[in-house]
Amino acid sequence: MSDGLQTVSTFLHRDEADIACARLAAEGIPAIVVADDEGGLSVGFFTEFRIRLVVRDEDVPGARSIVCDCAE
């Protein structure tokens, strides 16, 4: 069962994910950055699990076309 959200891209660095999120916002696509750093205790924790950029199901095609040059 879908919660209405999908990961549109993953990143190794938080700043790259934040830039991609801002690009989507500029195009009117709401997005959130999901990054588990264990509550700030383990900043490098994302290297194993990656940082996800998440959008609504209906925004996936448009979001992917915008962030495709941001992702690695």
C-alpha atoms as a PDB file:
ATOM      1  CA  MET A   1       0.000   0.000   0.000  1.00  0.00           C
ATOM      2  CA  SER A   2       1.398   3.378  -1.010  1.00  0.00           C
ATOM      3  CA  ASP A   3       1.479   6.305   1.374  1.00  0.00           C
ATOM      4  CA  GLY A   4       1.303   8.664  -1.609  1.00  0.00           C
ATOM      5  CA  LEU A   5       5.020   9.457  -1.514  1.00  0.00           C
ATOM      6  CA  GLN A   6       7.917   8.159  -3.590  1.00  0.00           C
ATOM      7  CA  THR A   7      11.661   8.613  -3.571  1.00  0.00           C
ATOM      8  CA  VAL A   8      12.573  10.491  -6.725  1.00  0.00           C
ATOM      9  CA  SER A   9      16.352  10.468  -6.214  1.00  0.00           C
ATOM     10  CA  THR A  10      19.029   9.607  -3.667  1.00  0.00           C
ATOM     11  CA  PHE A  11      22.158  11.522  -2.739  1.00  0.00           C
ATOM     12  CA  LEU A  12      25.363  10.941  -0.837  1.00  0.00           C
ATOM     13  CA  HIS A  13      25.647  14.540   0.430  1.00  0.00           C
ATOM     14  CA  ARG A  14      22.942  16.513   2.239  1.00  0.00           C
ATOM     15  CA  ASP A  15      23.745  19.760   0.411  1.00  0.00           C
ATOM     16  CA  GLU A  16      23.101  18.116  -2.981  1.00  0.00           C
ATOM     17  CA  ALA A  17      19.710  16.887  -1.763  1.00  0.00           C
ATOM     18  CA  ASP A  18      18.859  20.340  -0.398  1.00  0.00           C
ATOM     19  CA  ILE A  19      19.733  21.980  -3.735  1.00  0.00           C
ATOM     20  CA  ALA A  20      17.584  19.490  -5.638  1.00  0.00           C
ATOM     21  CA  CYS A  21      14.737  20.092  -3.176  1.00  0.00           C
ATOM     22  CA  ALA A  22      15.036  23.861  -3.722  1.00  0.00           C
ATOM     23  CA  ARG A  23      14.964  23.363  -7.508  1.00  0.00           C
ATOM     24  CA  LEU A  24      11.742  21.404  -7.179  1.00  0.00           C
ATOM     25  CA  ALA A  25      10.233  24.071  -4.918  1.00  0.00           C
ATOM     26  CA  ALA A  26      11.115  26.726  -7.499  1.00  0.00           C
ATOM     27  CA  GLU A  27       9.115  24.711 -10.044  1.00  0.00           C
ATOM     28  CA  GLY A  28       6.149  24.388  -7.684  1.00  0.00           C
ATOM     29  CA  ILE A  29       6.766  20.755  -6.716  1.00  0.00           C
ATOM     30  CA  PRO A  30       6.715  20.179  -2.958  1.00  0.00           C
ATOM     31  CA  ALA A  31       9.437  17.808  -1.783  1.00  0.00           C
ATOM     32  CA  ILE A  32      11.137  16.738   1.412  1.00  0.00           C
ATOM     33  CA  VAL A  33      14.641  15.537   2.183  1.00  0.00           C
ATOM     34  CA  VAL A  34      14.742  12.368   4.268  1.00  0.00           C
ATOM     35  CA  ALA A  35      18.093  11.778   5.951  1.00  0.00           C
ATOM     36  CA  ASP A  36      18.707   9.683   9.027  1.00  0.00           C
ATOM     37  CA  ASP A  37      21.695  10.932  10.991  1.00  0.00           C
ATOM     38  CA  GLU A  38      20.573   9.225  14.204  1.00  0.00           C
ATOM     39  CA  GLY A  39      19.304  12.452  15.691  1.00  0.00           C
ATOM     40  CA  GLY A  40      22.516  14.333  14.879  1.00  0.00           C
ATOM     41  CA  LEU A  41      24.699  11.796  16.658  1.00  0.00           C
ATOM     42  CA  SER A  42      26.103  10.203  13.503  1.00  0.00           C
ATOM     43  CA  VAL A  43      26.532  12.733  10.731  1.00  0.00           C
ATOM     44  CA  GLY A  44      28.133  10.230   8.350  1.00  0.00           C
ATOM     45  CA  PHE A  45      25.321   7.709   8.772  1.00  0.00           C
ATOM     46  CA  PHE A  46      23.854   8.572   5.337  1.00  0.00           C
ATOM     47  CA  THR A  47      26.871   7.172   3.501  1.00  0.00           C
ATOM     48  CA  GLU A  48      25.433   3.707   3.969  1.00  0.00           C
ATOM     49  CA  PHE A  49      21.729   4.495   3.678  1.00  0.00           C
ATOM     50  CA  ARG A  50      21.785   7.544   1.371  1.00  0.00           C
ATOM     51  CA  ILE A  51      19.720  10.710   1.557  1.00  0.00           C
ATOM     52  CA  ARG A  52      16.336  10.516  -0.155  1.00  0.00           C
ATOM     53  CA  LEU A  53      14.406  13.208  -1.986  1.00  0.00           C
ATOM     54  CA  VAL A  54      10.702  12.397  -1.661  1.00  0.00           C
ATOM     55  CA  VAL A  55       7.723  13.779  -3.611  1.00  0.00           C
ATOM     56  CA  ARG A  56       4.016  12.979  -4.013  1.00  0.00           C
ATOM     57  CA  ASP A  57       3.168  10.147  -6.403  1.00  0.00           C
ATOM     58  CA  GLU A  58       1.658  12.520  -8.956  1.00  0.00           C
ATOM     59  CA  ASP A  59       4.793  14.701  -9.007  1.00  0.00           C
ATOM     60  CA  VAL A  60       7.287  11.896  -9.744  1.00  0.00           C
ATOM     61  CA  PRO A  61       7.614  12.340 -13.554  1.00  0.00           C
ATOM     62  CA  GLY A  62       8.088  16.105 -13.352  1.00  0.00           C
ATOM     63  CA  ALA A  63      10.425  15.873 -10.378  1.00  0.00           C
ATOM     64  CA  ARG A  64      12.639  13.281 -12.054  1.00  0.00           C
ATOM     65  CA  SER A  65      13.018  15.442 -15.141  1.00  0.00           C
ATOM     66  CA  ILE A  66      14.114  18.400 -12.977  1.00  0.00           C
ATOM     67  CA  VAL A  67      16.543  16.612 -10.670  1.00  0.00           C
ATOM     68  CA  CYS A  68      18.066  14.165 -13.148  1.00  0.00           C
ATOM     69  CA  ASP A  69      21.092  16.442 -13.614  1.00  0.00           C
ATOM     70  CA  CYS A  70      21.456  16.938  -9.826  1.00  0.00           C
ATOM     71  CA  ALA A  71      21.688  13.298  -8.910  1.00  0.00           C
ATOM     72  CA  GLU A  72      24.889  11.374  -9.215  1.00  0.00           C
END
